Amino acid sequence: MARKIQLTEFGIRVKGELDRRGMTQRDLADQCGINYRVVNDVLTGRNRKEENIKLIRETLAISS
């Protein structure tokens, strides 16, 4: 049985914005120029590198 991974607070905000725009995490990764796995890891808190968070924020134009 697959385990459901919890999103961070930032991940929830990003997911809401993606849903609002009709985008997937893969779409976001393509726009950011990074691997889908990196986006997923940022949203679930496994990757906390500020450069990745900043890139996602800037791509979606969301505030900190």
PDB file of N, CA and C in Angstrom:
ATOM      1  N   MET A   1       0.845  -1.177   0.000  1.00  0.00           N
ATOM      2  CA  MET A   1       0.000   0.000   0.000  1.00  0.00           C
ATOM      3  C   MET A   1       0.892   1.243   0.000  1.00  0.00           C
ATOM      4  N   ALA A   2       0.600   2.150  -0.899  1.00  0.00           N
ATOM      5  CA  ALA A   2       1.398   3.379  -1.006  1.00  0.00           C
ATOM      6  C   ALA A   2       1.113   4.298   0.175  1.00  0.00           C
ATOM      7  N   ARG A   3       2.171   4.900   0.669  1.00  0.00           N
ATOM      8  CA  ARG A   3       2.056   5.825   1.786  1.00  0.00           C
ATOM      9  C   ARG A   3       1.842   7.229   1.245  1.00  0.00           C
ATOM     10  N   LYS A   4       0.868   7.934   1.791  1.00  0.00           N
ATOM     11  CA  LYS A   4       0.606   9.302   1.334  1.00  0.00           C
ATOM     12  C   LYS A   4       1.580  10.241   2.030  1.00  0.00           C
ATOM     13  N   ILE A   5       2.284  11.034   1.240  1.00  0.00           N
ATOM     14  CA  ILE A   5       3.262  11.981   1.755  1.00  0.00           C
ATOM     15  C   ILE A   5       2.555  13.310   2.033  1.00  0.00           C
ATOM     16  N   GLN A   6       2.808  13.868   3.200  1.00  0.00           N
ATOM     17  CA  GLN A   6       2.228  15.145   3.594  1.00  0.00           C
ATOM     18  C   GLN A   6       2.964  16.300   2.918  1.00  0.00           C
ATOM     19  N   LEU A   7       2.209  17.291   2.490  1.00  0.00           N
ATOM     20  CA  LEU A   7       2.809  18.499   1.945  1.00  0.00           C
ATOM     21  C   LEU A   7       3.145  19.455   3.081  1.00  0.00           C
ATOM     22  N   THR A   8       4.175  20.248   2.881  1.00  0.00           N
ATOM     23  CA  THR A   8       4.509  21.307   3.835  1.00  0.00           C
ATOM     24  C   THR A   8       3.515  22.451   3.645  1.00  0.00           C
ATOM     25  N   GLU A   9       3.591  23.458   4.501  1.00  0.00           N
ATOM     26  CA  GLU A   9       2.736  24.637   4.344  1.00  0.00           C
ATOM     27  C   GLU A   9       2.992  25.288   2.978  1.00  0.00           C
ATOM     28  N   PHE A  10       4.264  25.386   2.622  1.00  0.00           N
ATOM     29  CA  PHE A  10       4.620  25.927   1.306  1.00  0.00           C
ATOM     30  C   PHE A  10       4.058  25.030   0.206  1.00  0.00           C
ATOM     31  N   GLY A  11       4.181  23.733   0.388  1.00  0.00           N
ATOM     32  CA  GLY A  11       3.666  22.782  -0.597  1.00  0.00           C
ATOM     33  C   GLY A  11       2.172  22.923  -0.805  1.00  0.00           C
ATOM     34  N   ILE A  12       1.446  23.164   0.260  1.00  0.00           N
ATOM     35  CA  ILE A  12      -0.004  23.352   0.166  1.00  0.00           C
ATOM     36  C   ILE A  12      -0.323  24.618  -0.637  1.00  0.00           C
ATOM     37  N   ARG A  13       0.434  25.695  -0.383  1.00  0.00           N
ATOM     38  CA  ARG A  13       0.233  26.945  -1.130  1.00  0.00           C
ATOM     39  C   ARG A  13       0.516  26.748  -2.609  1.00  0.00           C
ATOM     40  N   VAL A  14       1.621  26.064  -2.905  1.00  0.00           N
ATOM     41  CA  VAL A  14       1.993  25.826  -4.301  1.00  0.00           C
ATOM     42  C   VAL A  14       0.949  24.941  -4.976  1.00  0.00           C
ATOM     43  N   LYS A  15       0.533  23.888  -4.305  1.00  0.00           N
ATOM     44  CA  LYS A  15      -0.471  22.967  -4.870  1.00  0.00           C
ATOM     45  C   LYS A  15      -1.764  23.710  -5.177  1.00  0.00           C
ATOM     46  N   GLY A  16      -2.180  24.601  -4.265  1.00  0.00           N
ATOM     47  CA  GLY A  16      -3.377  25.402  -4.506  1.00  0.00           C
ATOM     48  C   GLY A  16      -3.231  26.287  -5.736  1.00  0.00           C
ATOM     49  N   GLU A  17      -2.055  26.873  -5.885  1.00  0.00           N
ATOM     50  CA  GLU A  17      -1.795  27.728  -7.045  1.00  0.00           C
ATOM     51  C   GLU A  17      -1.753  26.902  -8.326  1.00  0.00           C
ATOM     52  N   LEU A  18      -1.155  25.728  -8.264  1.00  0.00           N
ATOM     53  CA  LEU A  18      -1.126  24.852  -9.439  1.00  0.00           C
ATOM     54  C   LEU A  18      -2.542  24.444  -9.830  1.00  0.00           C
ATOM     55  N   ASP A  19      -3.353  24.075  -8.849  1.00  0.00           N
ATOM     56  CA  ASP A  19      -4.745  23.690  -9.121  1.00  0.00           C
ATOM     57  C   ASP A  19      -5.502  24.856  -9.754  1.00  0.00           C
ATOM     58  N   ARG A  20      -5.299  26.053  -9.208  1.00  0.00           N
ATOM     59  CA  ARG A  20      -5.981  27.239  -9.724  1.00  0.00           C
ATOM     60  C   ARG A  20      -5.621  27.492 -11.189  1.00  0.00           C
ATOM     61  N   ARG A  21      -4.370  27.208 -11.539  1.00  0.00           N
ATOM     62  CA  ARG A  21      -3.896  27.445 -12.909  1.00  0.00           C
ATOM     63  C   ARG A  21      -4.086  26.239 -13.828  1.00  0.00           C
ATOM     64  N   GLY A  22      -4.537  25.120 -13.277  1.00  0.00           N
ATOM     65  CA  GLY A  22      -4.690  23.913 -14.085  1.00  0.00           C
ATOM     66  C   GLY A  22      -3.354  23.302 -14.478  1.00  0.00           C
ATOM     67  N   MET A  23      -2.362  23.449 -13.603  1.00  0.00           N
ATOM     68  CA  MET A  23      -1.011  22.942 -13.869  1.00  0.00           C
ATOM     69  C   MET A  23      -0.705  21.732 -12.990  1.00  0.00           C
ATOM     70  N   THR A  24       0.249  20.936 -13.437  1.00  0.00           N
ATOM     71  CA  THR A  24       0.751  19.823 -12.641  1.00  0.00           C
ATOM     72  C   THR A  24       2.133  20.177 -12.099  1.00  0.00           C
ATOM     73  N   GLN A  25       2.628  19.352 -11.200  1.00  0.00           N
ATOM     74  CA  GLN A  25       3.986  19.546 -10.697  1.00  0.00           C
ATOM     75  C   GLN A  25       4.993  19.405 -11.843  1.00  0.00           C
ATOM     76  N   ARG A  26       4.695  18.545 -12.794  1.00  0.00           N
ATOM     77  CA  ARG A  26       5.578  18.389 -13.958  1.00  0.00           C
ATOM     78  C   ARG A  26       5.604  19.662 -14.798  1.00  0.00           C
ATOM     79  N   ASP A  27       4.435  20.276 -14.971  1.00  0.00           N
ATOM     80  CA  ASP A  27       4.380  21.552 -15.704  1.00  0.00           C
ATOM     81  C   ASP A  27       5.246  22.590 -15.004  1.00  0.00           C
ATOM     82  N   LEU A  28       5.127  22.651 -13.679  1.00  0.00           N
ATOM     83  CA  LEU A  28       5.923  23.598 -12.901  1.00  0.00           C
ATOM     84  C   LEU A  28       7.408  23.308 -13.060  1.00  0.00           C
ATOM     85  N   ALA A  29       7.769  22.046 -12.972  1.00  0.00           N
ATOM     86  CA  ALA A  29       9.182  21.667 -13.132  1.00  0.00           C
ATOM     87  C   ALA A  29       9.707  22.101 -14.492  1.00  0.00           C
ATOM     88  N   ASP A  30       8.914  21.892 -15.534  1.00  0.00           N
ATOM     89  CA  ASP A  30       9.327  22.300 -16.881  1.00  0.00           C
ATOM     90  C   ASP A  30       9.531  23.805 -16.945  1.00  0.00           C
ATOM     91  N   GLN A  31       8.611  24.570 -16.353  1.00  0.00           N
ATOM     92  CA  GLN A  31       8.733  26.028 -16.372  1.00  0.00           C
ATOM     93  C   GLN A  31       9.936  26.507 -15.558  1.00  0.00           C
ATOM     94  N   CYS A  32      10.241  25.799 -14.479  1.00  0.00           N
ATOM     95  CA  CYS A  32      11.386  26.162 -13.629  1.00  0.00           C
ATOM     96  C   CYS A  32      12.710  25.696 -14.228  1.00  0.00           C
ATOM     97  N   GLY A  33      12.645  24.723 -15.125  1.00  0.00           N
ATOM     98  CA  GLY A  33      13.862  24.161 -15.702  1.00  0.00           C
ATOM     99  C   GLY A  33      14.561  23.199 -14.747  1.00  0.00           C
ATOM    100  N   ILE A  34      13.765  22.565 -13.881  1.00  0.00           N
ATOM    101  CA  ILE A  34      14.309  21.585 -12.940  1.00  0.00           C
ATOM    102  C   ILE A  34      13.560  20.274 -13.073  1.00  0.00           C
ATOM    103  N   ASN A  35      14.085  19.249 -12.457  1.00  0.00           N
ATOM    104  CA  ASN A  35      13.490  17.931 -12.494  1.00  0.00           C
ATOM    105  C   ASN A  35      12.206  17.895 -11.664  1.00  0.00           C
ATOM    106  N   TYR A  36      11.223  17.147 -12.149  1.00  0.00           N
ATOM    107  CA  TYR A  36       9.959  16.970 -11.431  1.00  0.00           C
ATOM    108  C   TYR A  36      10.198  16.517  -9.991  1.00  0.00           C
ATOM    109  N   ARG A  37      11.156  15.630  -9.813  1.00  0.00           N
ATOM    110  CA  ARG A  37      11.455  15.075  -8.486  1.00  0.00           C
ATOM    111  C   ARG A  37      11.853  16.181  -7.500  1.00  0.00           C
ATOM    112  N   VAL A  38      12.588  17.171  -7.978  1.00  0.00           N
ATOM    113  CA  VAL A  38      13.004  18.291  -7.130  1.00  0.00           C
ATOM    114  C   VAL A  38      11.773  19.060  -6.660  1.00  0.00           C
ATOM    115  N   VAL A  39      10.847  19.331  -7.577  1.00  0.00           N
ATOM    116  CA  VAL A  39       9.614  20.036  -7.200  1.00  0.00           C
ATOM    117  C   VAL A  39       8.863  19.238  -6.149  1.00  0.00           C
ATOM    118  N   ASN A  40       8.685  17.963  -6.400  1.00  0.00           N
ATOM    119  CA  ASN A  40       7.967  17.118  -5.455  1.00  0.00           C
ATOM    120  C   ASN A  40       8.653  17.102  -4.094  1.00  0.00           C
ATOM    121  N   ASP A  41       9.964  16.989  -4.089  1.00  0.00           N
ATOM    122  CA  ASP A  41      10.714  16.966  -2.829  1.00  0.00           C
ATOM    123  C   ASP A  41      10.615  18.290  -2.083  1.00  0.00           C
ATOM    124  N   VAL A  42      10.568  19.409  -2.791  1.00  0.00           N
ATOM    125  CA  VAL A  42      10.397  20.710  -2.135  1.00  0.00           C
ATOM    126  C   VAL A  42       9.012  20.778  -1.491  1.00  0.00           C
ATOM    127  N   LEU A  43       7.990  20.355  -2.210  1.00  0.00           N
ATOM    128  CA  LEU A  43       6.619  20.454  -1.703  1.00  0.00           C
ATOM    129  C   LEU A  43       6.362  19.542  -0.504  1.00  0.00           C
ATOM    130  N   THR A  44       7.125  18.467  -0.402  1.00  0.00           N
ATOM    131  CA  THR A  44       6.949  17.546   0.721  1.00  0.00           C
ATOM    132  C   THR A  44       7.981  17.753   1.825  1.00  0.00           C
ATOM    133  N   GLY A  45       8.893  18.717   1.622  1.00  0.00           N
ATOM    134  CA  GLY A  45       9.868  19.032   2.657  1.00  0.00           C
ATOM    135  C   GLY A  45      11.126  18.195   2.648  1.00  0.00           C
ATOM    136  N   ARG A  46      11.270  17.298   1.680  1.00  0.00           N
ATOM    137  CA  ARG A  46      12.498  16.496   1.602  1.00  0.00           C
ATOM    138  C   ARG A  46      13.653  17.293   1.023  1.00  0.00           C
ATOM    139  N   ASN A  47      13.332  18.369   0.305  1.00  0.00           N
ATOM    140  CA  ASN A  47      14.352  19.268  -0.248  1.00  0.00           C
ATOM    141  C   ASN A  47      14.025  20.661   0.270  1.00  0.00           C
ATOM    142  N   ARG A  48      14.894  21.204   1.082  1.00  0.00           N
ATOM    143  CA  ARG A  48      14.656  22.516   1.687  1.00  0.00           C
ATOM    144  C   ARG A  48      15.642  23.575   1.186  1.00  0.00           C
ATOM    145  N   LYS A  49      16.260  23.313   0.037  1.00  0.00           N
ATOM    146  CA  LYS A  49      17.226  24.273  -0.509  1.00  0.00           C
ATOM    147  C   LYS A  49      16.513  25.559  -0.891  1.00  0.00           C
ATOM    148  N   GLU A  50      16.983  26.662  -0.323  1.00  0.00           N
ATOM    149  CA  GLU A  50      16.354  27.960  -0.546  1.00  0.00           C
ATOM    150  C   GLU A  50      16.334  28.333  -2.029  1.00  0.00           C
ATOM    151  N   GLU A  51      17.354  27.945  -2.778  1.00  0.00           N
ATOM    152  CA  GLU A  51      17.389  28.280  -4.206  1.00  0.00           C
ATOM    153  C   GLU A  51      16.232  27.633  -4.961  1.00  0.00           C
ATOM    154  N   ASN A  52      15.864  26.407  -4.585  1.00  0.00           N
ATOM    155  CA  ASN A  52      14.741  25.735  -5.240  1.00  0.00           C
ATOM    156  C   ASN A  52      13.413  26.369  -4.839  1.00  0.00           C
ATOM    157  N   ILE A  53      13.282  26.692  -3.571  1.00  0.00           N
ATOM    158  CA  ILE A  53      12.058  27.336  -3.084  1.00  0.00           C
ATOM    159  C   ILE A  53      11.886  28.685  -3.775  1.00  0.00           C
ATOM    160  N   LYS A  54      12.953  29.441  -3.863  1.00  0.00           N
ATOM    161  CA  LYS A  54      12.909  30.760  -4.500  1.00  0.00           C
ATOM    162  C   LYS A  54      12.526  30.639  -5.973  1.00  0.00           C
ATOM    163  N   LEU A  55      13.082  29.667  -6.662  1.00  0.00           N
ATOM    164  CA  LEU A  55      12.782  29.453  -8.076  1.00  0.00           C
ATOM    165  C   LEU A  55      11.294  29.151  -8.275  1.00  0.00           C
ATOM    166  N   ILE A  56      10.743  28.315  -7.429  1.00  0.00           N
ATOM    167  CA  ILE A  56       9.316  27.983  -7.518  1.00  0.00           C
ATOM    168  C   ILE A  56       8.474  29.213  -7.213  1.00  0.00           C
ATOM    169  N   ARG A  57       8.836  29.940  -6.163  1.00  0.00           N
ATOM    170  CA  ARG A  57       8.112  31.177  -5.817  1.00  0.00           C
ATOM    171  C   ARG A  57       8.108  32.165  -6.974  1.00  0.00           C
ATOM    172  N   GLU A  58       9.257  32.379  -7.558  1.00  0.00           N
ATOM    173  CA  GLU A  58       9.377  33.341  -8.646  1.00  0.00           C
ATOM    174  C   GLU A  58       8.615  32.878  -9.880  1.00  0.00           C
ATOM    175  N   THR A  59       8.666  31.608 -10.178  1.00  0.00           N
ATOM    176  CA  THR A  59       7.976  31.077 -11.348  1.00  0.00           C
ATOM    177  C   THR A  59       6.466  31.252 -11.211  1.00  0.00           C
ATOM    178  N   LEU A  60       5.949  31.017 -10.006  1.00  0.00           N
ATOM    179  CA  LEU A  60       4.504  31.140  -9.778  1.00  0.00           C
ATOM    180  C   LEU A  60       4.099  32.544  -9.322  1.00  0.00           C
ATOM    181  N   ALA A  61       5.096  33.404  -9.081  1.00  0.00           N
ATOM    182  CA  ALA A  61       4.839  34.778  -8.607  1.00  0.00           C
ATOM    183  C   ALA A  61       4.011  34.761  -7.315  1.00  0.00           C
ATOM    184  N   ILE A  62       4.458  33.930  -6.348  1.00  0.00           N
ATOM    185  CA  ILE A  62       3.804  33.909  -5.048  1.00  0.00           C
ATOM    186  C   ILE A  62       4.761  34.483  -4.011  1.00  0.00           C
ATOM    187  N   SER A  63       4.195  35.133  -3.007  1.00  0.00           N
ATOM    188  CA  SER A  63       5.031  35.774  -1.985  1.00  0.00           C
ATOM    189  C   SER A  63       5.521  34.753  -0.964  1.00  0.00           C
ATOM    190  N   SER A  64       6.495  35.178  -0.173  1.00  0.00           N
ATOM    191  CA  SER A  64       7.072  34.291   0.837  1.00  0.00           C
ATOM    192  C   SER A  64       6.187  34.149   2.037  1.00  0.00           C
TER     193      SER A  64
END
